[in-house]
Amino acid sequence: MDTCFEELPVAITVADTEGNIIDMNRRSAEVNSHGEKIIGRNLYDCHPPRAAAILRELYAEQKKNVYTIEKNGVKKLIYQVPWYKDGVFAGLMELSMEIPFDMPHYVRRPAAQ
């Protein structure tokens, strides 16, 4: 993974078109149960059946999936999105980041012309 992502406090996991994990940054290795040992493993083997079914749909439709979770008192935003190389679908990327339980939400409107 590009060195600028190694110290980022966001877990980044990258999988190819077959669901094989091909890269992860340091934070992803810290939060995933087997760390960098899961590079080369398939996403479907790392998830329960319901989650694997969602992943199959994401692959089939090349669409994103965004949701929040809470685990051990920590709330996270999970952002699963297709990635492309030279305009061709290359797989899925997951970003997982801790977020506050209560956070501000701003609606930004374009400035009047």
Protein backbone atom coordinates (compact mmCIF):
# COMPACT_ATOMS: atom_id res chain seq x y z
CA MET A 1 0.00 0.00 0.00
CA ASP A 2 1.16 3.51 -0.72
CA THR A 3 3.17 4.79 2.25
CA CYS A 4 0.89 7.82 2.74
CA PHE A 5 -1.90 5.44 3.80
CA GLU A 6 0.15 3.50 6.36
CA GLU A 7 -0.22 6.01 9.21
CA LEU A 8 -3.79 7.00 8.35
CA PRO A 9 -6.15 6.12 11.24
CA VAL A 10 -8.54 4.51 8.75
CA ALA A 11 -8.50 0.79 7.95
CA ILE A 12 -8.18 0.28 4.18
CA THR A 13 -8.59 -3.20 2.70
CA VAL A 14 -8.41 -3.86 -1.05
CA ALA A 15 -9.72 -6.94 -2.87
CA ASP A 16 -9.47 -7.92 -6.54
CA THR A 17 -12.30 -8.90 -8.92
CA GLU A 18 -12.47 -12.42 -7.45
CA GLY A 19 -12.71 -11.20 -3.85
CA ASN A 20 -9.09 -12.00 -2.99
CA ILE A 21 -7.55 -9.57 -0.51
CA ILE A 22 -4.58 -8.02 -2.28
CA ASP A 23 -3.57 -5.16 0.01
CA MET A 24 -4.24 -3.51 3.35
CA ASN A 25 -2.74 -0.68 5.33
CA ARG A 26 -1.33 -0.95 8.84
CA ARG A 27 -4.61 0.04 10.55
CA SER A 28 -6.50 -2.64 8.63
CA ALA A 29 -3.94 -5.24 9.72
CA GLU A 30 -4.39 -4.11 13.34
CA VAL A 31 -8.20 -4.37 13.36
CA ASN A 32 -8.63 -7.53 11.29
CA SER A 33 -8.38 -10.75 13.27
CA HIS A 34 -5.35 -12.21 11.53
CA GLY A 35 -3.67 -9.02 10.34
CA GLU A 36 -1.64 -9.18 7.15
CA LYS A 37 -1.98 -12.97 7.13
CA ILE A 38 -5.36 -12.49 5.42
CA ILE A 39 -3.68 -11.04 2.31
CA GLY A 40 -4.33 -13.67 -0.35
CA ARG A 41 -7.47 -14.97 1.36
CA ASN A 42 -10.90 -14.52 -0.12
CA LEU A 43 -13.41 -12.06 1.33
CA TYR A 44 -16.14 -14.68 1.21
CA ASP A 45 -14.15 -16.93 3.54
CA CYS A 46 -13.69 -14.08 6.03
CA HIS A 47 -17.39 -13.20 6.38
CA PRO A 48 -20.53 -14.97 7.60
CA PRO A 49 -23.05 -16.07 4.94
CA ARG A 50 -25.26 -12.95 5.16
CA ALA A 51 -22.29 -10.59 4.72
CA ALA A 52 -20.84 -12.78 1.94
CA ALA A 53 -24.17 -12.53 0.09
CA ILE A 54 -24.02 -8.73 0.33
CA LEU A 55 -20.45 -8.78 -1.00
CA ARG A 56 -21.52 -10.94 -3.96
CA GLU A 57 -24.20 -8.38 -4.78
CA LEU A 58 -21.68 -5.53 -4.55
CA TYR A 59 -19.43 -7.37 -6.99
CA ALA A 60 -22.22 -8.31 -9.38
CA GLU A 61 -23.61 -4.78 -9.53
CA GLN A 62 -20.34 -2.91 -8.92
CA LYS A 63 -22.05 -0.75 -6.33
CA LYS A 64 -21.15 0.74 -2.97
CA ASN A 65 -22.38 -0.19 0.50
CA VAL A 66 -22.23 2.31 3.36
CA TYR A 67 -23.29 1.68 6.96
CA THR A 68 -22.27 2.13 10.59
CA ILE A 69 -21.51 -0.47 13.24
CA GLU A 70 -20.85 -0.49 16.95
CA LYS A 71 -18.44 -2.96 18.49
CA ASN A 72 -16.84 -2.86 21.94
CA GLY A 73 -18.19 0.65 22.55
CA VAL A 74 -16.69 2.02 19.32
CA LYS A 75 -18.83 3.31 16.45
CA LYS A 76 -17.45 2.96 12.93
CA LEU A 77 -18.40 4.02 9.45
CA ILE A 78 -17.92 1.22 6.91
CA TYR A 79 -17.57 2.35 3.29
CA GLN A 80 -17.32 -0.45 0.73
CA VAL A 81 -16.86 0.79 -2.81
CA PRO A 82 -15.81 -0.57 -6.20
CA TRP A 83 -12.41 0.55 -7.43
CA TYR A 84 -11.24 0.82 -11.00
CA LYS A 85 -7.88 0.62 -12.71
CA ASP A 86 -7.58 2.33 -16.08
CA GLY A 87 -11.38 2.58 -16.16
CA VAL A 88 -11.89 -1.18 -15.67
CA PHE A 89 -13.53 -2.67 -12.57
CA ALA A 90 -10.70 -4.01 -10.39
CA GLY A 91 -12.51 -5.11 -7.22
CA LEU A 92 -13.74 -3.67 -3.94
CA MET A 93 -12.13 -1.42 -1.39
CA GLU A 94 -13.31 -1.09 2.20
CA LEU A 95 -12.59 1.89 4.40
CA SER A 96 -13.43 1.55 8.09
CA MET A 97 -13.08 4.54 10.40
CA GLU A 98 -14.02 5.32 13.97
CA ILE A 99 -16.62 8.07 14.26
CA PRO A 100 -18.23 9.80 17.25
CA PHE A 101 -21.62 8.57 18.44
CA ASP A 102 -22.92 12.12 18.19
CA MET A 103 -21.52 14.22 15.43
CA PRO A 104 -22.61 17.41 13.71
CA HIS A 105 -24.25 17.29 10.31
CA TYR A 106 -24.07 20.32 8.03
CA VAL A 107 -26.12 21.05 4.95
CA ARG A 108 -24.07 23.11 2.55
CA ARG A 109 -25.85 25.07 -0.11
CA PRO A 110 -24.21 26.79 -3.09
CA ALA A 111 -23.66 30.50 -2.65
CA ALA A 112 -26.23 32.72 -4.35
CA GLN A 113 -24.94 34.10 -7.62
